[in-house]
Amino acid sequence: MEMERRAHQRYQVQYEARVTKRGQRESSRGRVLDISQTGMSVDLPVQLEPGDAVQLEMADSVVTARVAHSTPDGKGYRTGVEVIRVTLGATDLSYLLQRTMLEVMPSTPGLEHVDSQCG
């Protein structure tokens, strides 16, 4: 039996995301699969390099992150990113993202300034 090496618990989510590498105009559609205290796991159709700076757009929210790893997984690449900053929008989906991230990664810059209500 293999020991779990993760330092933080993972919370399963399903968020569609548009991922853009800094300095490029093309983006890839991906799916955020889980969130932990320090980052996210994203299923992408392209492989990114560790250290790449990326932006994940979910609804009207933007997550600025750095790629930690990207490994082949089925037809795509399971990409782990370290979250640096969050800019939240005003939609109901952004509110749900905020609630999830406040619970899982409360010290992430950008989360503390938003106090919206679902409506």
PDB file of N, CA and C in Angstrom:
ATOM      1  N   MET A   1       0.852  -1.189   0.000  1.00  0.00           N
ATOM      2  CA  MET A   1       0.000   0.000   0.000  1.00  0.00           C
ATOM      3  C   MET A   1       0.892   1.245   0.000  1.00  0.00           C
ATOM      4  N   GLU A   2       0.577   2.194  -0.868  1.00  0.00           N
ATOM      5  CA  GLU A   2       1.383   3.400  -1.010  1.00  0.00           C
ATOM      6  C   GLU A   2       0.902   4.478  -0.045  1.00  0.00           C
ATOM      7  N   MET A   3       1.860   5.155   0.595  1.00  0.00           N
ATOM      8  CA  MET A   3       1.523   6.256   1.509  1.00  0.00           C
ATOM      9  C   MET A   3       1.102   7.491   0.726  1.00  0.00           C
ATOM     10  N   GLU A   4       0.124   8.206   1.215  1.00  0.00           N
ATOM     11  CA  GLU A   4      -0.309   9.475   0.620  1.00  0.00           C
ATOM     12  C   GLU A   4       0.756  10.517   0.921  1.00  0.00           C
ATOM     13  N   ARG A   5       1.284  11.172  -0.139  1.00  0.00           N
ATOM     14  CA  ARG A   5       2.363  12.143   0.037  1.00  0.00           C
ATOM     15  C   ARG A   5       1.860  13.578   0.103  1.00  0.00           C
ATOM     16  N   ARG A   6       0.608  13.809  -0.085  1.00  0.00           N
ATOM     17  CA  ARG A   6       0.093  15.166  -0.124  1.00  0.00           C
ATOM     18  C   ARG A   6       0.112  15.797   1.267  1.00  0.00           C
ATOM     19  N   ALA A   7       0.527  17.064   1.289  1.00  0.00           N
ATOM     20  CA  ALA A   7       0.596  17.781   2.554  1.00  0.00           C
ATOM     21  C   ALA A   7      -0.767  18.329   2.966  1.00  0.00           C
ATOM     22  N   HIS A   8      -1.664  18.556   1.981  1.00  0.00           N
ATOM     23  CA  HIS A   8      -2.961  19.166   2.272  1.00  0.00           C
ATOM     24  C   HIS A   8      -4.083  18.348   1.653  1.00  0.00           C
ATOM     25  N   GLN A   9      -5.216  18.328   2.329  1.00  0.00           N
ATOM     26  CA  GLN A   9      -6.386  17.620   1.837  1.00  0.00           C
ATOM     27  C   GLN A   9      -6.883  18.248   0.540  1.00  0.00           C
ATOM     28  N   ARG A  10      -7.379  17.430  -0.368  1.00  0.00           N
ATOM     29  CA  ARG A  10      -7.927  17.881  -1.646  1.00  0.00           C
ATOM     30  C   ARG A  10      -9.454  17.846  -1.581  1.00  0.00           C
ATOM     31  N   TYR A  11     -10.084  18.874  -2.155  1.00  0.00           N
ATOM     32  CA  TYR A  11     -11.542  18.954  -2.220  1.00  0.00           C
ATOM     33  C   TYR A  11     -11.954  18.871  -3.676  1.00  0.00           C
ATOM     34  N   GLN A  12     -12.745  17.863  -4.012  1.00  0.00           N
ATOM     35  CA  GLN A  12     -13.176  17.636  -5.385  1.00  0.00           C
ATOM     36  C   GLN A  12     -14.135  18.740  -5.836  1.00  0.00           C
ATOM     37  N   VAL A  13     -13.885  19.285  -7.032  1.00  0.00           N
ATOM     38  CA  VAL A  13     -14.751  20.294  -7.648  1.00  0.00           C
ATOM     39  C   VAL A  13     -14.848  19.988  -9.137  1.00  0.00           C
ATOM     40  N   GLN A  14     -15.695  20.677  -9.822  1.00  0.00           N
ATOM     41  CA  GLN A  14     -15.817  20.576 -11.276  1.00  0.00           C
ATOM     42  C   GLN A  14     -16.089  21.979 -11.813  1.00  0.00           C
ATOM     43  N   TYR A  15     -15.028  22.726 -12.103  1.00  0.00           N
ATOM     44  CA  TYR A  15     -15.163  24.068 -12.657  1.00  0.00           C
ATOM     45  C   TYR A  15     -14.539  24.089 -14.048  1.00  0.00           C
ATOM     46  N   GLU A  16     -15.291  24.570 -15.016  1.00  0.00           N
ATOM     47  CA  GLU A  16     -14.722  24.786 -16.343  1.00  0.00           C
ATOM     48  C   GLU A  16     -13.790  25.991 -16.247  1.00  0.00           C
ATOM     49  N   ALA A  17     -12.666  25.924 -16.951  1.00  0.00           N
ATOM     50  CA  ALA A  17     -11.702  27.021 -16.897  1.00  0.00           C
ATOM     51  C   ALA A  17     -11.061  27.225 -18.265  1.00  0.00           C
ATOM     52  N   ARG A  18     -10.753  28.464 -18.555  1.00  0.00           N
ATOM     53  CA  ARG A  18      -9.943  28.793 -19.728  1.00  0.00           C
ATOM     54  C   ARG A  18      -8.565  29.150 -19.198  1.00  0.00           C
ATOM     55  N   VAL A  19      -7.549  28.422 -19.660  1.00  0.00           N
ATOM     56  CA  VAL A  19      -6.197  28.577 -19.126  1.00  0.00           C
ATOM     57  C   VAL A  19      -5.302  29.204 -20.180  1.00  0.00           C
ATOM     58  N   THR A  20      -4.631  30.277 -19.797  1.00  0.00           N
ATOM     59  CA  THR A  20      -3.739  31.000 -20.699  1.00  0.00           C
ATOM     60  C   THR A  20      -2.373  31.126 -20.056  1.00  0.00           C
ATOM     61  N   LYS A  21      -1.344  30.741 -20.812  1.00  0.00           N
ATOM     62  CA  LYS A  21       0.028  30.914 -20.352  1.00  0.00           C
ATOM     63  C   LYS A  21       0.414  32.373 -20.537  1.00  0.00           C
ATOM     64  N   ARG A  22       1.076  32.957 -19.529  1.00  0.00           N
ATOM     65  CA  ARG A  22       1.457  34.370 -19.610  1.00  0.00           C
ATOM     66  C   ARG A  22       2.318  34.608 -20.850  1.00  0.00           C
ATOM     67  N   GLY A  23       1.990  35.676 -21.571  1.00  0.00           N
ATOM     68  CA  GLY A  23       2.727  36.024 -22.771  1.00  0.00           C
ATOM     69  C   GLY A  23       2.162  35.403 -24.040  1.00  0.00           C
ATOM     70  N   GLN A  24       1.098  34.593 -23.919  1.00  0.00           N
ATOM     71  CA  GLN A  24       0.481  33.990 -25.095  1.00  0.00           C
ATOM     72  C   GLN A  24      -0.965  34.436 -25.212  1.00  0.00           C
ATOM     73  N   ARG A  25      -1.452  34.472 -26.449  1.00  0.00           N
ATOM     74  CA  ARG A  25      -2.846  34.870 -26.655  1.00  0.00           C
ATOM     75  C   ARG A  25      -3.775  33.665 -26.718  1.00  0.00           C
ATOM     76  N   GLU A  26      -3.259  32.520 -27.162  1.00  0.00           N
ATOM     77  CA  GLU A  26      -4.101  31.335 -27.235  1.00  0.00           C
ATOM     78  C   GLU A  26      -4.344  30.784 -25.839  1.00  0.00           C
ATOM     79  N   SER A  27      -5.534  30.251 -25.652  1.00  0.00           N
ATOM     80  CA  SER A  27      -5.851  29.636 -24.372  1.00  0.00           C
ATOM     81  C   SER A  27      -6.381  28.227 -24.625  1.00  0.00           C
ATOM     82  N   SER A  28      -6.409  27.440 -23.568  1.00  0.00           N
ATOM     83  CA  SER A  28      -6.925  26.070 -23.630  1.00  0.00           C
ATOM     84  C   SER A  28      -8.082  25.945 -22.667  1.00  0.00           C
ATOM     85  N   ARG A  29      -9.066  25.156 -23.076  1.00  0.00           N
ATOM     86  CA  ARG A  29     -10.184  24.869 -22.169  1.00  0.00           C
ATOM     87  C   ARG A  29      -9.801  23.691 -21.299  1.00  0.00           C
ATOM     88  N   GLY A  30     -10.031  23.847 -20.004  1.00  0.00           N
ATOM     89  CA  GLY A  30      -9.720  22.779 -19.065  1.00  0.00           C
ATOM     90  C   GLY A  30     -10.792  22.662 -18.004  1.00  0.00           C
ATOM     91  N   ARG A  31     -10.554  21.762 -17.079  1.00  0.00           N
ATOM     92  CA  ARG A  31     -11.499  21.545 -15.985  1.00  0.00           C
ATOM     93  C   ARG A  31     -10.710  21.450 -14.686  1.00  0.00           C
ATOM     94  N   VAL A  32     -11.067  22.314 -13.714  1.00  0.00           N
ATOM     95  CA  VAL A  32     -10.470  22.238 -12.391  1.00  0.00           C
ATOM     96  C   VAL A  32     -11.099  21.032 -11.694  1.00  0.00           C
ATOM     97  N   LEU A  33     -10.247  20.099 -11.247  1.00  0.00           N
ATOM     98  CA  LEU A  33     -10.720  18.846 -10.661  1.00  0.00           C
ATOM     99  C   LEU A  33     -10.723  18.854  -9.142  1.00  0.00           C
ATOM    100  N   ASP A  34      -9.757  19.542  -8.560  1.00  0.00           N
ATOM    101  CA  ASP A  34      -9.732  19.641  -7.099  1.00  0.00           C
ATOM    102  C   ASP A  34      -8.964  20.885  -6.666  1.00  0.00           C
ATOM    103  N   ILE A  35      -9.228  21.257  -5.414  1.00  0.00           N
ATOM    104  CA  ILE A  35      -8.594  22.429  -4.802  1.00  0.00           C
ATOM    105  C   ILE A  35      -8.034  21.990  -3.457  1.00  0.00           C
ATOM    106  N   SER A  36      -6.818  22.440  -3.149  1.00  0.00           N
ATOM    107  CA  SER A  36      -6.236  22.187  -1.833  1.00  0.00           C
ATOM    108  C   SER A  36      -5.875  23.532  -1.212  1.00  0.00           C
ATOM    109  N   GLN A  37      -5.229  23.490  -0.087  1.00  0.00           N
ATOM    110  CA  GLN A  37      -4.878  24.732   0.608  1.00  0.00           C
ATOM    111  C   GLN A  37      -3.929  25.608  -0.201  1.00  0.00           C
ATOM    112  N   THR A  38      -3.125  25.013  -1.065  1.00  0.00           N
ATOM    113  CA  THR A  38      -2.119  25.788  -1.790  1.00  0.00           C
ATOM    114  C   THR A  38      -2.305  25.812  -3.300  1.00  0.00           C
ATOM    115  N   GLY A  39      -3.215  25.019  -3.842  1.00  0.00           N
ATOM    116  CA  GLY A  39      -3.316  24.999  -5.296  1.00  0.00           C
ATOM    117  C   GLY A  39      -4.517  24.263  -5.835  1.00  0.00           C
ATOM    118  N   MET A  40      -4.434  23.985  -7.143  1.00  0.00           N
ATOM    119  CA  MET A  40      -5.517  23.328  -7.858  1.00  0.00           C
ATOM    120  C   MET A  40      -4.947  22.294  -8.809  1.00  0.00           C
ATOM    121  N   SER A  41      -5.756  21.297  -9.121  1.00  0.00           N
ATOM    122  CA  SER A  41      -5.416  20.328 -10.147  1.00  0.00           C
ATOM    123  C   SER A  41      -6.351  20.580 -11.326  1.00  0.00           C
ATOM    124  N   VAL A  42      -5.761  20.689 -12.517  1.00  0.00           N
ATOM    125  CA  VAL A  42      -6.527  21.037 -13.713  1.00  0.00           C
ATOM    126  C   VAL A  42      -6.263  19.997 -14.802  1.00  0.00           C
ATOM    127  N   ASP A  43      -7.316  19.518 -15.440  1.00  0.00           N
ATOM    128  CA  ASP A  43      -7.193  18.622 -16.586  1.00  0.00           C
ATOM    129  C   ASP A  43      -7.138  19.496 -17.836  1.00  0.00           C
ATOM    130  N   LEU A  44      -6.018  19.401 -18.593  1.00  0.00           N
ATOM    131  CA  LEU A  44      -5.807  20.240 -19.776  1.00  0.00           C
ATOM    132  C   LEU A  44      -5.480  19.391 -20.999  1.00  0.00           C
ATOM    133  N   PRO A  45      -5.796  19.885 -22.204  1.00  0.00           N
ATOM    134  CA  PRO A  45      -5.445  19.164 -23.426  1.00  0.00           C
ATOM    135  C   PRO A  45      -3.992  19.371 -23.860  1.00  0.00           C
ATOM    136  N   VAL A  46      -3.280  20.290 -23.226  1.00  0.00           N
ATOM    137  CA  VAL A  46      -1.883  20.595 -23.573  1.00  0.00           C
ATOM    138  C   VAL A  46      -1.013  20.471 -22.332  1.00  0.00           C
ATOM    139  N   GLN A  47       0.272  20.187 -22.554  1.00  0.00           N
ATOM    140  CA  GLN A  47       1.200  20.100 -21.437  1.00  0.00           C
ATOM    141  C   GLN A  47       1.887  21.441 -21.228  1.00  0.00           C
ATOM    142  N   LEU A  48       1.936  21.862 -19.976  1.00  0.00           N
ATOM    143  CA  LEU A  48       2.645  23.073 -19.595  1.00  0.00           C
ATOM    144  C   LEU A  48       3.894  22.676 -18.826  1.00  0.00           C
ATOM    145  N   GLU A  49       4.842  23.590 -18.722  1.00  0.00           N
ATOM    146  CA  GLU A  49       6.107  23.330 -18.040  1.00  0.00           C
ATOM    147  C   GLU A  49       6.066  23.831 -16.599  1.00  0.00           C
ATOM    148  N   PRO A  50       6.697  23.089 -15.688  1.00  0.00           N
ATOM    149  CA  PRO A  50       6.807  23.595 -14.311  1.00  0.00           C
ATOM    150  C   PRO A  50       7.432  24.989 -14.318  1.00  0.00           C
ATOM    151  N   GLY A  51       6.839  25.882 -13.547  1.00  0.00           N
ATOM    152  CA  GLY A  51       7.310  27.264 -13.484  1.00  0.00           C
ATOM    153  C   GLY A  51       6.552  28.214 -14.388  1.00  0.00           C
ATOM    154  N   ASP A  52       5.806  27.679 -15.379  1.00  0.00           N
ATOM    155  CA  ASP A  52       5.019  28.549 -16.265  1.00  0.00           C
ATOM    156  C   ASP A  52       4.007  29.356 -15.457  1.00  0.00           C
ATOM    157  N   ALA A  53       3.906  30.646 -15.738  1.00  0.00           N
ATOM    158  CA  ALA A  53       2.883  31.497 -15.122  1.00  0.00           C
ATOM    159  C   ALA A  53       1.618  31.390 -15.977  1.00  0.00           C
ATOM    160  N   VAL A  54       0.480  31.155 -15.340  1.00  0.00           N
ATOM    161  CA  VAL A  54      -0.778  30.975 -16.060  1.00  0.00           C
ATOM    162  C   VAL A  54      -1.905  31.747 -15.386  1.00  0.00           C
ATOM    163  N   GLN A  55      -2.958  31.989 -16.176  1.00  0.00           N
ATOM    164  CA  GLN A  55      -4.200  32.538 -15.640  1.00  0.00           C
ATOM    165  C   GLN A  55      -5.307  31.552 -15.946  1.00  0.00           C
ATOM    166  N   LEU A  56      -6.141  31.274 -14.960  1.00  0.00           N
ATOM    167  CA  LEU A  56      -7.312  30.429 -15.123  1.00  0.00           C
ATOM    168  C   LEU A  56      -8.531  31.326 -15.012  1.00  0.00           C
ATOM    169  N   GLU A  57      -9.337  31.363 -16.054  1.00  0.00           N
ATOM    170  CA  GLU A  57     -10.562  32.148 -16.038  1.00  0.00           C
ATOM    171  C   GLU A  57     -11.738  31.205 -15.828  1.00  0.00           C
ATOM    172  N   MET A  58     -12.502  31.469 -14.767  1.00  0.00           N
ATOM    173  CA  MET A  58     -13.692  30.689 -14.438  1.00  0.00           C
ATOM    174  C   MET A  58     -14.832  31.670 -14.267  1.00  0.00           C
ATOM    175  N   ALA A  59     -15.815  31.593 -15.159  1.00  0.00           N
ATOM    176  CA  ALA A  59     -16.890  32.589 -15.194  1.00  0.00           C
ATOM    177  C   ALA A  59     -16.237  33.962 -15.312  1.00  0.00           C
ATOM    178  N   ASP A  60     -16.512  34.876 -14.377  1.00  0.00           N
ATOM    179  CA  ASP A  60     -15.887  36.200 -14.439  1.00  0.00           C
ATOM    180  C   ASP A  60     -14.817  36.367 -13.362  1.00  0.00           C
ATOM    181  N   SER A  61     -14.239  35.251 -12.922  1.00  0.00           N
ATOM    182  CA  SER A  61     -13.156  35.267 -11.946  1.00  0.00           C
ATOM    183  C   SER A  61     -11.857  34.825 -12.615  1.00  0.00           C
ATOM    184  N   VAL A  62     -10.736  35.326 -12.092  1.00  0.00           N
ATOM    185  CA  VAL A  62      -9.417  34.995 -12.636  1.00  0.00           C
ATOM    186  C   VAL A  62      -8.508  34.535 -11.498  1.00  0.00           C
ATOM    187  N   VAL A  63      -7.851  33.399 -11.707  1.00  0.00           N
ATOM    188  CA  VAL A  63      -6.872  32.879 -10.765  1.00  0.00           C
ATOM    189  C   VAL A  63      -5.502  32.971 -11.425  1.00  0.00           C
ATOM    190  N   THR A  64      -4.578  33.668 -10.786  1.00  0.00           N
ATOM    191  CA  THR A  64      -3.199  33.742 -11.252  1.00  0.00           C
ATOM    192  C   THR A  64      -2.431  32.644 -10.525  1.00  0.00           C
ATOM    193  N   ALA A  65      -1.676  31.842 -11.293  1.00  0.00           N
ATOM    194  CA  ALA A  65      -1.024  30.677 -10.696  1.00  0.00           C
ATOM    195  C   ALA A  65       0.296  30.375 -11.392  1.00  0.00           C
ATOM    196  N   ARG A  66       1.038  29.440 -10.794  1.00  0.00           N
ATOM    197  CA  ARG A  66       2.293  28.953 -11.365  1.00  0.00           C
ATOM    198  C   ARG A  66       2.199  27.432 -11.456  1.00  0.00           C
ATOM    199  N   VAL A  67       2.603  26.875 -12.593  1.00  0.00           N
ATOM    200  CA  VAL A  67       2.542  25.429 -12.809  1.00  0.00           C
ATOM    201  C   VAL A  67       3.583  24.732 -11.927  1.00  0.00           C
ATOM    202  N   ALA A  68       3.123  23.735 -11.168  1.00  0.00           N
ATOM    203  CA  ALA A  68       4.017  22.928 -10.337  1.00  0.00           C
ATOM    204  C   ALA A  68       4.429  21.655 -11.075  1.00  0.00           C
ATOM    205  N   HIS A  69       3.480  21.056 -11.797  1.00  0.00           N
ATOM    206  CA  HIS A  69       3.761  19.844 -12.567  1.00  0.00           C
ATOM    207  C   HIS A  69       2.683  19.657 -13.625  1.00  0.00           C
ATOM    208  N   SER A  70       3.001  18.868 -14.643  1.00  0.00           N
ATOM    209  CA  SER A  70       2.052  18.537 -15.702  1.00  0.00           C
ATOM    210  C   SER A  70       2.418  17.141 -16.204  1.00  0.00           C
ATOM    211  N   THR A  71       1.518  16.177 -15.973  1.00  0.00           N
ATOM    212  CA  THR A  71       1.817  14.792 -16.331  1.00  0.00           C
ATOM    213  C   THR A  71       0.706  14.221 -17.207  1.00  0.00           C
ATOM    214  N   PRO A  72       1.073  13.351 -18.167  1.00  0.00           N
ATOM    215  CA  PRO A  72       0.056  12.724 -19.024  1.00  0.00           C
ATOM    216  C   PRO A  72      -0.970  11.974 -18.182  1.00  0.00           C
ATOM    217  N   ASP A  73      -2.243  12.114 -18.564  1.00  0.00           N
ATOM    218  CA  ASP A  73      -3.332  11.456 -17.840  1.00  0.00           C
ATOM    219  C   ASP A  73      -4.466  11.205 -18.833  1.00  0.00           C
ATOM    220  N   GLY A  74      -4.537  10.018 -19.375  1.00  0.00           N
ATOM    221  CA  GLY A  74      -5.557   9.718 -20.369  1.00  0.00           C
ATOM    222  C   GLY A  74      -5.286  10.485 -21.650  1.00  0.00           C
ATOM    223  N   LYS A  75      -6.279  11.241 -22.108  1.00  0.00           N
ATOM    224  CA  LYS A  75      -6.133  12.016 -23.340  1.00  0.00           C
ATOM    225  C   LYS A  75      -5.567  13.410 -23.105  1.00  0.00           C
ATOM    226  N   GLY A  76      -5.346  13.776 -21.851  1.00  0.00           N
ATOM    227  CA  GLY A  76      -4.854  15.118 -21.553  1.00  0.00           C
ATOM    228  C   GLY A  76      -3.702  15.094 -20.585  1.00  0.00           C
ATOM    229  N   TYR A  77      -3.578  16.181 -19.839  1.00  0.00           N
ATOM    230  CA  TYR A  77      -2.499  16.345 -18.873  1.00  0.00           C
ATOM    231  C   TYR A  77      -3.073  16.815 -17.544  1.00  0.00           C
ATOM    232  N   ARG A  78      -2.729  16.119 -16.491  1.00  0.00           N
ATOM    233  CA  ARG A  78      -3.126  16.532 -15.147  1.00  0.00           C
ATOM    234  C   ARG A  78      -2.083  17.553 -14.699  1.00  0.00           C
ATOM    235  N   THR A  79      -2.534  18.787 -14.502  1.00  0.00           N
ATOM    236  CA  THR A  79      -1.634  19.898 -14.234  1.00  0.00           C
ATOM    237  C   THR A  79      -1.902  20.469 -12.850  1.00  0.00           C
ATOM    238  N   GLY A  80      -0.888  20.471 -12.023  1.00  0.00           N
ATOM    239  CA  GLY A  80      -0.997  21.049 -10.695  1.00  0.00           C
ATOM    240  C   GLY A  80      -0.484  22.472 -10.726  1.00  0.00           C
ATOM    241  N   VAL A  81      -1.271  23.395 -10.180  1.00  0.00           N
ATOM    242  CA  VAL A  81      -0.855  24.794 -10.150  1.00  0.00           C
ATOM    243  C   VAL A  81      -0.889  25.318  -8.722  1.00  0.00           C
ATOM    244  N   GLU A  82       0.066  26.183  -8.420  1.00  0.00           N
ATOM    245  CA  GLU A  82       0.120  26.873  -7.133  1.00  0.00           C
ATOM    246  C   GLU A  82      -0.577  28.218  -7.307  1.00  0.00           C
ATOM    247  N   VAL A  83      -1.622  28.457  -6.529  1.00  0.00           N
ATOM    248  CA  VAL A  83      -2.400  29.696  -6.646  1.00  0.00           C
ATOM    249  C   VAL A  83      -1.623  30.846  -6.013  1.00  0.00           C
ATOM    250  N   ILE A  84      -1.528  31.942  -6.774  1.00  0.00           N
ATOM    251  CA  ILE A  84      -0.824  33.137  -6.303  1.00  0.00           C
ATOM    252  C   ILE A  84      -1.817  34.219  -5.898  1.00  0.00           C
ATOM    253  N   ARG A  85      -2.838  34.423  -6.732  1.00  0.00           N
ATOM    254  CA  ARG A  85      -3.812  35.488  -6.473  1.00  0.00           C
ATOM    255  C   ARG A  85      -5.130  35.140  -7.138  1.00  0.00           C
ATOM    256  N   VAL A  86      -6.221  35.632  -6.543  1.00  0.00           N
ATOM    257  CA  VAL A  86      -7.568  35.424  -7.075  1.00  0.00           C
ATOM    258  C   VAL A  86      -8.240  36.780  -7.255  1.00  0.00           C
ATOM    259  N   THR A  87      -8.864  36.984  -8.410  1.00  0.00           N
ATOM    260  CA  THR A  87      -9.690  38.167  -8.642  1.00  0.00           C
ATOM    261  C   THR A  87     -11.094  37.645  -8.926  1.00  0.00           C
ATOM    262  N   LEU A  88     -11.995  37.874  -7.986  1.00  0.00           N
ATOM    263  CA  LEU A  88     -13.346  37.331  -8.083  1.00  0.00           C
ATOM    264  C   LEU A  88     -14.297  38.282  -8.780  1.00  0.00           C
ATOM    265  N   GLY A  89     -15.210  37.706  -9.544  1.00  0.00           N
ATOM    266  CA  GLY A  89     -16.247  38.472 -10.211  1.00  0.00           C
ATOM    267  C   GLY A  89     -17.501  38.531  -9.351  1.00  0.00           C
ATOM    268  N   ALA A  90     -18.629  38.843 -10.003  1.00  0.00           N
ATOM    269  CA  ALA A  90     -19.867  39.063  -9.259  1.00  0.00           C
ATOM    270  C   ALA A  90     -20.969  38.056  -9.587  1.00  0.00           C
ATOM    271  N   THR A  91     -20.687  37.031 -10.394  1.00  0.00           N
ATOM    272  CA  THR A  91     -21.721  36.063 -10.745  1.00  0.00           C
ATOM    273  C   THR A  91     -21.937  35.054  -9.620  1.00  0.00           C
ATOM    274  N   ASP A  92     -23.021  34.297  -9.715  1.00  0.00           N
ATOM    275  CA  ASP A  92     -23.285  33.252  -8.723  1.00  0.00           C
ATOM    276  C   ASP A  92     -22.180  32.203  -8.720  1.00  0.00           C
ATOM    277  N   LEU A  93     -21.641  31.869  -9.899  1.00  0.00           N
ATOM    278  CA  LEU A  93     -20.550  30.904  -9.955  1.00  0.00           C
ATOM    279  C   LEU A  93     -19.308  31.443  -9.250  1.00  0.00           C
ATOM    280  N   SER A  94     -19.038  32.726  -9.395  1.00  0.00           N
ATOM    281  CA  SER A  94     -17.903  33.330  -8.699  1.00  0.00           C
ATOM    282  C   SER A  94     -18.118  33.308  -7.191  1.00  0.00           C
ATOM    283  N   TYR A  95     -19.353  33.499  -6.756  1.00  0.00           N
ATOM    284  CA  TYR A  95     -19.660  33.424  -5.328  1.00  0.00           C
ATOM    285  C   TYR A  95     -19.388  32.010  -4.811  1.00  0.00           C
ATOM    286  N   LEU A  96     -19.795  30.994  -5.581  1.00  0.00           N
ATOM    287  CA  LEU A  96     -19.541  29.614  -5.201  1.00  0.00           C
ATOM    288  C   LEU A  96     -18.035  29.337  -5.149  1.00  0.00           C
ATOM    289  N   LEU A  97     -17.298  29.828  -6.131  1.00  0.00           N
ATOM    290  CA  LEU A  97     -15.844  29.690  -6.141  1.00  0.00           C
ATOM    291  C   LEU A  97     -15.235  30.363  -4.907  1.00  0.00           C
ATOM    292  N   GLN A  98     -15.714  31.557  -4.580  1.00  0.00           N
ATOM    293  CA  GLN A  98     -15.218  32.278  -3.405  1.00  0.00           C
ATOM    294  C   GLN A  98     -15.465  31.464  -2.137  1.00  0.00           C
ATOM    295  N   ARG A  99     -16.673  30.947  -1.969  1.00  0.00           N
ATOM    296  CA  ARG A  99     -17.005  30.178  -0.764  1.00  0.00           C
ATOM    297  C   ARG A  99     -16.096  28.949  -0.642  1.00  0.00           C
ATOM    298  N   THR A 100     -15.893  28.244  -1.754  1.00  0.00           N
ATOM    299  CA  THR A 100     -15.029  27.061  -1.750  1.00  0.00           C
ATOM    300  C   THR A 100     -13.610  27.440  -1.392  1.00  0.00           C
ATOM    301  N   MET A 101     -13.091  28.485  -2.030  1.00  0.00           N
ATOM    302  CA  MET A 101     -11.700  28.872  -1.798  1.00  0.00           C
ATOM    303  C   MET A 101     -11.485  29.451  -0.404  1.00  0.00           C
ATOM    304  N   LEU A 102     -12.467  30.176   0.127  1.00  0.00           N
ATOM    305  CA  LEU A 102     -12.336  30.693   1.493  1.00  0.00           C
ATOM    306  C   LEU A 102     -12.240  29.553   2.500  1.00  0.00           C
ATOM    307  N   GLU A 103     -12.968  28.473   2.236  1.00  0.00           N
ATOM    308  CA  GLU A 103     -12.932  27.325   3.134  1.00  0.00           C
ATOM    309  C   GLU A 103     -11.609  26.570   3.019  1.00  0.00           C
ATOM    310  N   VAL A 104     -11.114  26.417   1.789  1.00  0.00           N
ATOM    311  CA  VAL A 104      -9.947  25.583   1.541  1.00  0.00           C
ATOM    312  C   VAL A 104      -8.636  26.352   1.638  1.00  0.00           C
ATOM    313  N   MET A 105      -8.579  27.563   1.080  1.00  0.00           N
ATOM    314  CA  MET A 105      -7.332  28.349   1.062  1.00  0.00           C
ATOM    315  C   MET A 105      -7.611  29.788   1.473  1.00  0.00           C
ATOM    316  N   PRO A 106      -7.981  30.009   2.730  1.00  0.00           N
ATOM    317  CA  PRO A 106      -8.432  31.334   3.184  1.00  0.00           C
ATOM    318  C   PRO A 106      -7.399  32.453   3.113  1.00  0.00           C
ATOM    319  N   SER A 107      -6.119  32.133   3.074  1.00  0.00           N
ATOM    320  CA  SER A 107      -5.107  33.200   3.074  1.00  0.00           C
ATOM    321  C   SER A 107      -4.691  33.630   1.668  1.00  0.00           C
ATOM    322  N   THR A 108      -5.355  33.123   0.636  1.00  0.00           N
ATOM    323  CA  THR A 108      -5.012  33.484  -0.735  1.00  0.00           C
ATOM    324  C   THR A 108      -5.356  34.943  -1.006  1.00  0.00           C
ATOM    325  N   PRO A 109      -4.391  35.721  -1.510  1.00  0.00           N
ATOM    326  CA  PRO A 109      -4.680  37.124  -1.821  1.00  0.00           C
ATOM    327  C   PRO A 109      -5.830  37.258  -2.817  1.00  0.00           C
ATOM    328  N   GLY A 110      -6.738  38.182  -2.529  1.00  0.00           N
ATOM    329  CA  GLY A 110      -7.873  38.446  -3.401  1.00  0.00           C
ATOM    330  C   GLY A 110      -9.186  37.944  -2.856  1.00  0.00           C
ATOM    331  N   LEU A 111      -9.160  36.972  -1.965  1.00  0.00           N
ATOM    332  CA  LEU A 111     -10.397  36.421  -1.415  1.00  0.00           C
ATOM    333  C   LEU A 111     -10.963  37.278  -0.297  1.00  0.00           C
ATOM    334  N   GLU A 112     -10.096  37.919   0.454  1.00  0.00           N
ATOM    335  CA  GLU A 112     -10.543  38.641   1.644  1.00  0.00           C
ATOM    336  C   GLU A 112     -11.323  39.915   1.337  1.00  0.00           C
ATOM    337  N   HIS A 113     -11.266  40.405   0.092  1.00  0.00           N
ATOM    338  CA  HIS A 113     -11.891  41.689  -0.230  1.00  0.00           C
ATOM    339  C   HIS A 113     -13.316  41.579  -0.745  1.00  0.00           C
ATOM    340  N   VAL A 114     -13.783  40.373  -1.020  1.00  0.00           N
ATOM    341  CA  VAL A 114     -15.084  40.205  -1.647  1.00  0.00           C
ATOM    342  C   VAL A 114     -16.105  39.791  -0.606  1.00  0.00           C
ATOM    343  N   ASP A 115     -17.228  40.480  -0.590  1.00  0.00           N
ATOM    344  CA  ASP A 115     -18.309  40.122   0.315  1.00  0.00           C
ATOM    345  C   ASP A 115     -19.612  40.214  -0.465  1.00  0.00           C
ATOM    346  N   SER A 116     -19.799  39.275  -1.384  1.00  0.00           N
ATOM    347  CA  SER A 116     -21.002  39.293  -2.225  1.00  0.00           C
ATOM    348  C   SER A 116     -22.014  38.271  -1.721  1.00  0.00           C
ATOM    349  N   GLN A 117     -23.207  38.408  -2.172  1.00  0.00           N
ATOM    350  CA  GLN A 117     -24.276  37.487  -1.830  1.00  0.00           C
ATOM    351  C   GLN A 117     -24.808  36.831  -3.071  1.00  0.00           C
ATOM    352  N   CYS A 118     -25.160  35.587  -2.977  1.00  0.00           N
ATOM    353  CA  CYS A 118     -25.765  34.864  -4.092  1.00  0.00           C
ATOM    354  C   CYS A 118     -27.167  35.431  -4.301  1.00  0.00           C
ATOM    355  N   GLY A 119     -27.545  35.628  -5.538  1.00  0.00           N
ATOM    356  CA  GLY A 119     -28.847  36.220  -5.673  1.00  0.00           C
ATOM    357  C   GLY A 119     -29.487  36.021  -6.911  1.00  0.00           C
TER     358      GLY A 119
END
